[in-house]
N, C-alpha and C. Protein backbone atom coordinates (compact mmCIF):
# COMPACT_ATOMS: atom_id res chain seq x y z
N MET A 1 0.82 -1.19 0.00
CA MET A 1 0.00 0.00 0.00
C MET A 1 0.87 1.26 0.00
N LYS A 2 1.90 1.30 0.85
CA LYS A 2 2.78 2.46 0.91
C LYS A 2 3.54 2.65 -0.40
N LYS A 3 3.93 1.54 -1.03
CA LYS A 3 4.65 1.62 -2.30
C LYS A 3 3.77 2.24 -3.39
N ASN A 4 2.50 1.89 -3.40
CA ASN A 4 1.57 2.44 -4.39
C ASN A 4 1.41 3.95 -4.20
N LYS A 5 1.27 4.39 -2.95
CA LYS A 5 1.12 5.82 -2.68
C LYS A 5 2.38 6.58 -3.07
N LEU A 6 3.54 6.01 -2.79
CA LEU A 6 4.80 6.64 -3.15
C LEU A 6 4.95 6.73 -4.66
N PHE A 7 4.58 5.68 -5.34
CA PHE A 7 4.64 5.65 -6.81
C PHE A 7 3.72 6.73 -7.40
N ILE A 8 2.52 6.83 -6.89
CA ILE A 8 1.56 7.83 -7.37
C ILE A 8 2.10 9.24 -7.10
N PHE A 9 2.70 9.44 -5.93
CA PHE A 9 3.29 10.73 -5.60
C PHE A 9 4.37 11.12 -6.61
N PHE A 10 5.25 10.17 -6.95
CA PHE A 10 6.32 10.47 -7.92
C PHE A 10 5.75 10.76 -9.30
N ILE A 11 4.73 10.06 -9.70
CA ILE A 11 4.10 10.30 -11.00
C ILE A 11 3.48 11.69 -11.04
N LEU A 12 2.78 12.08 -9.99
CA LEU A 12 2.17 13.41 -9.93
C LEU A 12 3.23 14.51 -9.95
N CYS A 13 4.32 14.32 -9.21
CA CYS A 13 5.40 15.31 -9.21
C CYS A 13 6.02 15.43 -10.60
N TYR A 14 6.23 14.31 -11.25
CA TYR A 14 6.81 14.33 -12.60
C TYR A 14 5.89 15.09 -13.56
N CYS A 15 4.61 14.80 -13.51
CA CYS A 15 3.65 15.47 -14.40
C CYS A 15 3.60 16.97 -14.12
N PHE A 16 3.60 17.33 -12.86
CA PHE A 16 3.55 18.75 -12.49
C PHE A 16 4.77 19.49 -13.02
N PHE A 17 5.96 18.97 -12.73
CA PHE A 17 7.18 19.66 -13.14
C PHE A 17 7.39 19.59 -14.64
N ASN A 18 7.03 18.51 -15.26
CA ASN A 18 7.18 18.37 -16.70
C ASN A 18 6.29 19.37 -17.43
N ASN A 19 5.07 19.57 -16.97
CA ASN A 19 4.17 20.53 -17.61
C ASN A 19 4.63 21.96 -17.40
N ASN A 20 5.17 22.27 -16.24
CA ASN A 20 5.61 23.63 -15.97
C ASN A 20 6.89 23.99 -16.69
N ILE A 21 7.72 23.02 -16.97
CA ILE A 21 8.97 23.29 -17.66
C ILE A 21 8.72 23.81 -19.07
N SER A 22 7.70 23.33 -19.70
CA SER A 22 7.48 23.70 -21.09
C SER A 22 6.29 24.65 -21.27
N ALA A 23 5.91 25.34 -20.24
CA ALA A 23 4.83 26.31 -20.37
C ALA A 23 5.28 27.47 -21.24
N GLN A 24 4.35 28.14 -21.86
CA GLN A 24 4.69 29.18 -22.81
C GLN A 24 4.16 30.54 -22.39
N ASN A 25 4.53 30.96 -21.21
CA ASN A 25 4.24 32.31 -20.76
C ASN A 25 5.40 33.18 -21.24
N ILE A 26 5.10 34.11 -22.13
CA ILE A 26 6.12 34.86 -22.85
C ILE A 26 6.13 36.32 -22.42
N PHE A 27 7.33 36.83 -22.22
CA PHE A 27 7.50 38.25 -21.95
C PHE A 27 8.27 38.86 -23.11
N SER A 28 7.75 39.94 -23.66
CA SER A 28 8.40 40.63 -24.76
C SER A 28 9.33 41.71 -24.20
N SER A 29 10.63 41.45 -24.29
CA SER A 29 11.64 42.38 -23.76
C SER A 29 11.82 43.58 -24.66
N LYS A 30 12.19 44.69 -24.05
CA LYS A 30 12.48 45.91 -24.81
C LYS A 30 13.90 45.88 -25.38
N TYR A 31 14.75 45.06 -24.78
CA TYR A 31 16.15 45.02 -25.17
C TYR A 31 16.59 43.58 -25.45
N ALA A 32 17.39 43.40 -26.48
CA ALA A 32 17.89 42.08 -26.84
C ALA A 32 18.71 41.46 -25.72
N SER A 33 19.44 42.29 -25.00
CA SER A 33 20.30 41.79 -23.93
C SER A 33 19.51 41.20 -22.76
N ASP A 34 18.24 41.55 -22.64
CA ASP A 34 17.39 41.02 -21.57
C ASP A 34 16.63 39.76 -21.97
N SER A 35 16.81 39.31 -23.19
CA SER A 35 15.98 38.21 -23.69
C SER A 35 16.72 36.87 -23.68
N ASP A 36 15.92 35.81 -23.73
CA ASP A 36 16.45 34.46 -23.89
C ASP A 36 16.57 34.09 -25.36
N LEU A 37 15.78 34.78 -26.17
CA LEU A 37 15.59 34.35 -27.55
C LEU A 37 15.26 35.54 -28.45
N ASN A 38 15.88 35.60 -29.62
CA ASN A 38 15.54 36.60 -30.62
C ASN A 38 14.53 35.99 -31.59
N VAL A 39 13.43 36.71 -31.81
CA VAL A 39 12.33 36.19 -32.62
C VAL A 39 12.03 37.16 -33.77
N PHE A 40 11.78 36.58 -34.94
CA PHE A 40 11.38 37.37 -36.11
C PHE A 40 10.02 36.87 -36.58
N VAL A 41 9.12 37.80 -36.86
CA VAL A 41 7.79 37.46 -37.36
C VAL A 41 7.84 37.48 -38.88
N VAL A 42 7.63 36.33 -39.49
CA VAL A 42 7.69 36.20 -40.95
C VAL A 42 6.34 36.56 -41.57
N ASP A 43 6.36 36.83 -42.86
CA ASP A 43 5.15 37.22 -43.58
C ASP A 43 4.28 36.05 -44.00
N TYR A 44 4.92 34.89 -44.16
CA TYR A 44 4.19 33.73 -44.67
C TYR A 44 4.39 32.52 -43.76
N GLU A 45 3.35 31.75 -43.61
CA GLU A 45 3.37 30.56 -42.76
C GLU A 45 4.49 29.60 -43.15
N SER A 46 4.74 29.47 -44.44
CA SER A 46 5.74 28.53 -44.94
C SER A 46 7.17 28.92 -44.53
N GLN A 47 7.38 30.16 -44.12
CA GLN A 47 8.71 30.62 -43.71
C GLN A 47 8.97 30.42 -42.21
N ALA A 48 7.97 30.02 -41.48
CA ALA A 48 8.05 29.95 -40.01
C ALA A 48 8.64 28.64 -39.51
N ASP A 49 9.34 28.75 -38.39
CA ASP A 49 9.75 27.56 -37.63
C ASP A 49 8.60 27.12 -36.73
N LEU A 50 7.85 28.11 -36.24
CA LEU A 50 6.76 27.86 -35.30
C LEU A 50 5.57 28.74 -35.66
N LYS A 51 4.40 28.12 -35.71
CA LYS A 51 3.15 28.87 -35.89
C LYS A 51 2.57 29.11 -34.51
N VAL A 52 2.36 30.38 -34.17
CA VAL A 52 1.98 30.79 -32.82
C VAL A 52 0.55 31.29 -32.79
N PHE A 53 -0.18 30.86 -31.75
CA PHE A 53 -1.51 31.39 -31.47
C PHE A 53 -1.47 32.04 -30.10
N LYS A 54 -1.92 33.29 -30.03
CA LYS A 54 -1.95 34.00 -28.75
C LYS A 54 -3.22 33.61 -28.00
N VAL A 55 -3.05 32.99 -26.83
CA VAL A 55 -4.19 32.57 -26.02
C VAL A 55 -4.57 33.68 -25.04
N ASP A 56 -5.79 33.59 -24.52
CA ASP A 56 -6.32 34.62 -23.64
C ASP A 56 -5.96 34.43 -22.17
N TYR A 57 -5.61 33.20 -21.80
CA TYR A 57 -5.33 32.89 -20.40
C TYR A 57 -4.05 32.08 -20.28
N SER A 58 -3.32 32.30 -19.21
CA SER A 58 -2.07 31.58 -18.95
C SER A 58 -2.28 30.07 -18.89
N SER A 59 -3.39 29.65 -18.35
CA SER A 59 -3.67 28.22 -18.22
C SER A 59 -3.81 27.52 -19.57
N GLN A 60 -4.04 28.27 -20.63
CA GLN A 60 -4.17 27.68 -21.97
C GLN A 60 -2.82 27.52 -22.66
N ALA A 61 -1.77 28.03 -22.07
CA ALA A 61 -0.46 28.08 -22.71
C ALA A 61 0.47 26.97 -22.23
N LYS A 62 -0.04 25.83 -21.94
CA LYS A 62 0.79 24.73 -21.46
C LYS A 62 1.34 23.92 -22.62
N GLY A 63 2.54 23.45 -22.43
CA GLY A 63 3.18 22.63 -23.45
C GLY A 63 3.94 23.48 -24.46
N ASN A 64 4.72 22.84 -25.26
CA ASN A 64 5.55 23.50 -26.27
C ASN A 64 4.89 23.32 -27.63
N LYS A 65 3.71 23.91 -27.78
CA LYS A 65 2.88 23.68 -28.96
C LYS A 65 2.55 24.95 -29.73
N GLY A 66 3.18 26.06 -29.39
CA GLY A 66 2.91 27.30 -30.08
C GLY A 66 1.75 28.09 -29.52
N LEU A 67 1.31 27.74 -28.33
CA LEU A 67 0.24 28.47 -27.66
C LEU A 67 0.90 29.41 -26.66
N TRP A 68 0.92 30.69 -26.98
CA TRP A 68 1.64 31.66 -26.17
C TRP A 68 0.69 32.59 -25.44
N TYR A 69 1.04 32.84 -24.19
CA TYR A 69 0.35 33.85 -23.39
C TYR A 69 1.38 34.92 -23.04
N PHE A 70 1.10 36.15 -23.45
CA PHE A 70 2.03 37.24 -23.18
C PHE A 70 1.74 37.84 -21.81
N VAL A 71 2.75 37.79 -20.94
CA VAL A 71 2.62 38.31 -19.58
C VAL A 71 3.11 39.75 -19.52
N ASP A 72 2.69 40.46 -18.49
CA ASP A 72 3.04 41.87 -18.34
C ASP A 72 4.39 42.08 -17.65
N TYR A 73 4.82 41.08 -16.89
CA TYR A 73 6.04 41.24 -16.10
C TYR A 73 7.01 40.10 -16.39
N GLN A 74 8.27 40.45 -16.45
CA GLN A 74 9.33 39.49 -16.73
C GLN A 74 9.33 38.33 -15.73
N SER A 75 9.04 38.62 -14.49
CA SER A 75 9.06 37.59 -13.45
C SER A 75 7.97 36.53 -13.63
N GLN A 76 6.96 36.83 -14.41
CA GLN A 76 5.86 35.88 -14.67
C GLN A 76 6.16 34.96 -15.85
N SER A 77 7.23 35.21 -16.56
CA SER A 77 7.46 34.52 -17.83
C SER A 77 8.26 33.24 -17.69
N ASP A 78 8.05 32.37 -18.67
CA ASP A 78 8.87 31.17 -18.83
C ASP A 78 10.01 31.46 -19.79
N LYS A 79 9.73 32.33 -20.75
CA LYS A 79 10.74 32.75 -21.74
C LYS A 79 10.61 34.24 -22.00
N LYS A 80 11.76 34.87 -22.16
CA LYS A 80 11.81 36.29 -22.52
C LYS A 80 12.27 36.37 -23.97
N ILE A 81 11.49 37.04 -24.80
CA ILE A 81 11.84 37.14 -26.21
C ILE A 81 12.05 38.60 -26.60
N PHE A 82 12.80 38.77 -27.65
CA PHE A 82 13.00 40.10 -28.23
C PHE A 82 12.68 39.99 -29.71
N PHE A 83 11.79 40.86 -30.19
CA PHE A 83 11.43 40.85 -31.60
C PHE A 83 12.47 41.65 -32.38
N VAL A 84 13.16 40.97 -33.29
CA VAL A 84 14.21 41.60 -34.10
C VAL A 84 13.62 42.12 -35.41
N ASP A 85 14.36 43.01 -36.05
CA ASP A 85 13.90 43.63 -37.28
C ASP A 85 14.24 42.84 -38.53
N TYR A 86 15.22 41.95 -38.42
CA TYR A 86 15.68 41.21 -39.59
C TYR A 86 15.73 39.71 -39.30
N LYS A 87 15.37 38.93 -40.29
CA LYS A 87 15.34 37.47 -40.16
C LYS A 87 16.73 36.92 -39.81
N SER A 88 17.76 37.53 -40.34
CA SER A 88 19.13 37.07 -40.09
C SER A 88 19.56 37.22 -38.63
N GLN A 89 18.85 38.03 -37.86
CA GLN A 89 19.17 38.24 -36.44
C GLN A 89 18.45 37.26 -35.52
N SER A 90 17.55 36.47 -36.07
CA SER A 90 16.65 35.67 -35.23
C SER A 90 17.19 34.28 -34.91
N ASP A 91 16.75 33.81 -33.75
CA ASP A 91 16.96 32.41 -33.36
C ASP A 91 15.76 31.58 -33.81
N LEU A 92 14.61 32.23 -33.86
CA LEU A 92 13.35 31.55 -34.15
C LEU A 92 12.48 32.44 -35.02
N ASN A 93 11.94 31.86 -36.09
CA ASN A 93 11.02 32.57 -36.98
C ASN A 93 9.61 32.09 -36.69
N ILE A 94 8.71 33.04 -36.42
CA ILE A 94 7.34 32.66 -36.08
C ILE A 94 6.34 33.32 -37.04
N PHE A 95 5.17 32.73 -37.07
CA PHE A 95 4.04 33.27 -37.82
C PHE A 95 2.83 33.18 -36.91
N PHE A 96 2.12 34.31 -36.73
CA PHE A 96 0.93 34.30 -35.89
C PHE A 96 -0.26 33.81 -36.69
N VAL A 97 -0.93 32.78 -36.16
CA VAL A 97 -2.09 32.19 -36.84
C VAL A 97 -3.38 32.69 -36.20
N LYS A 98 -4.48 32.54 -36.93
CA LYS A 98 -5.78 33.04 -36.48
C LYS A 98 -6.51 32.06 -35.57
N TYR A 99 -6.20 30.77 -35.71
CA TYR A 99 -6.93 29.75 -34.96
C TYR A 99 -5.98 28.87 -34.15
N LYS A 100 -6.43 28.49 -32.99
CA LYS A 100 -5.64 27.66 -32.07
C LYS A 100 -5.20 26.35 -32.72
N SER A 101 -6.07 25.78 -33.51
CA SER A 101 -5.79 24.49 -34.15
C SER A 101 -4.66 24.57 -35.18
N GLN A 102 -4.30 25.77 -35.62
CA GLN A 102 -3.24 25.94 -36.61
C GLN A 102 -1.86 26.03 -35.97
N ALA A 103 -1.79 26.24 -34.68
CA ALA A 103 -0.51 26.43 -33.99
C ALA A 103 0.30 25.14 -33.98
N GLY A 104 1.60 25.29 -34.00
CA GLY A 104 2.48 24.13 -33.90
C GLY A 104 3.80 24.34 -34.62
N TRP A 105 4.67 23.38 -34.42
CA TRP A 105 6.01 23.44 -34.98
C TRP A 105 6.03 23.02 -36.44
N ARG A 106 6.77 23.76 -37.24
CA ARG A 106 7.05 23.40 -38.61
C ARG A 106 8.48 22.87 -38.70
N ASN A 107 9.37 23.38 -37.86
CA ASN A 107 10.76 22.96 -37.81
C ASN A 107 11.05 22.38 -36.43
N ARG A 108 10.92 21.10 -36.30
CA ARG A 108 11.06 20.44 -34.99
C ARG A 108 12.50 20.49 -34.45
N ASN A 109 13.46 20.85 -35.29
CA ASN A 109 14.84 20.97 -34.83
C ASN A 109 15.04 22.14 -33.87
N LYS A 110 14.07 23.03 -33.79
CA LYS A 110 14.20 24.20 -32.92
C LYS A 110 13.33 24.14 -31.67
N THR A 111 12.69 23.01 -31.42
CA THR A 111 11.81 22.91 -30.24
C THR A 111 12.56 23.14 -28.94
N HIS A 112 13.84 22.81 -28.91
CA HIS A 112 14.63 22.97 -27.69
C HIS A 112 14.73 24.44 -27.25
N LEU A 113 14.53 25.37 -28.15
CA LEU A 113 14.64 26.78 -27.82
C LEU A 113 13.60 27.25 -26.80
N LEU A 114 12.48 26.56 -26.75
CA LEU A 114 11.41 26.98 -25.84
C LEU A 114 11.22 26.05 -24.64
N TYR A 115 12.22 25.23 -24.35
CA TYR A 115 12.17 24.41 -23.14
C TYR A 115 12.96 25.08 -22.05
């Protein structure tokens, strides 16, 4: 009985920490030096590494699936990004989509950038 409770406890802890590690609460920095990542917004979906949908609530931004919630304060964020003016300056190219179902990775080689 004790082993089962301990096992369940470890599973719950793993799920909790695993989900929080990849949450997508984003803070838009004013300066590149304050950011974790340089991001460029492309004109066409086909040019993007990640298709992003802006969600209305932080609770909707779980996982590394392109569902971003923009926070007001740096301390609330999981990642700090800086929007660059040129594609050549970026670590990640994104395209904002209209529908939640369209969000997701196009270039899976860059998923590590948001963990």
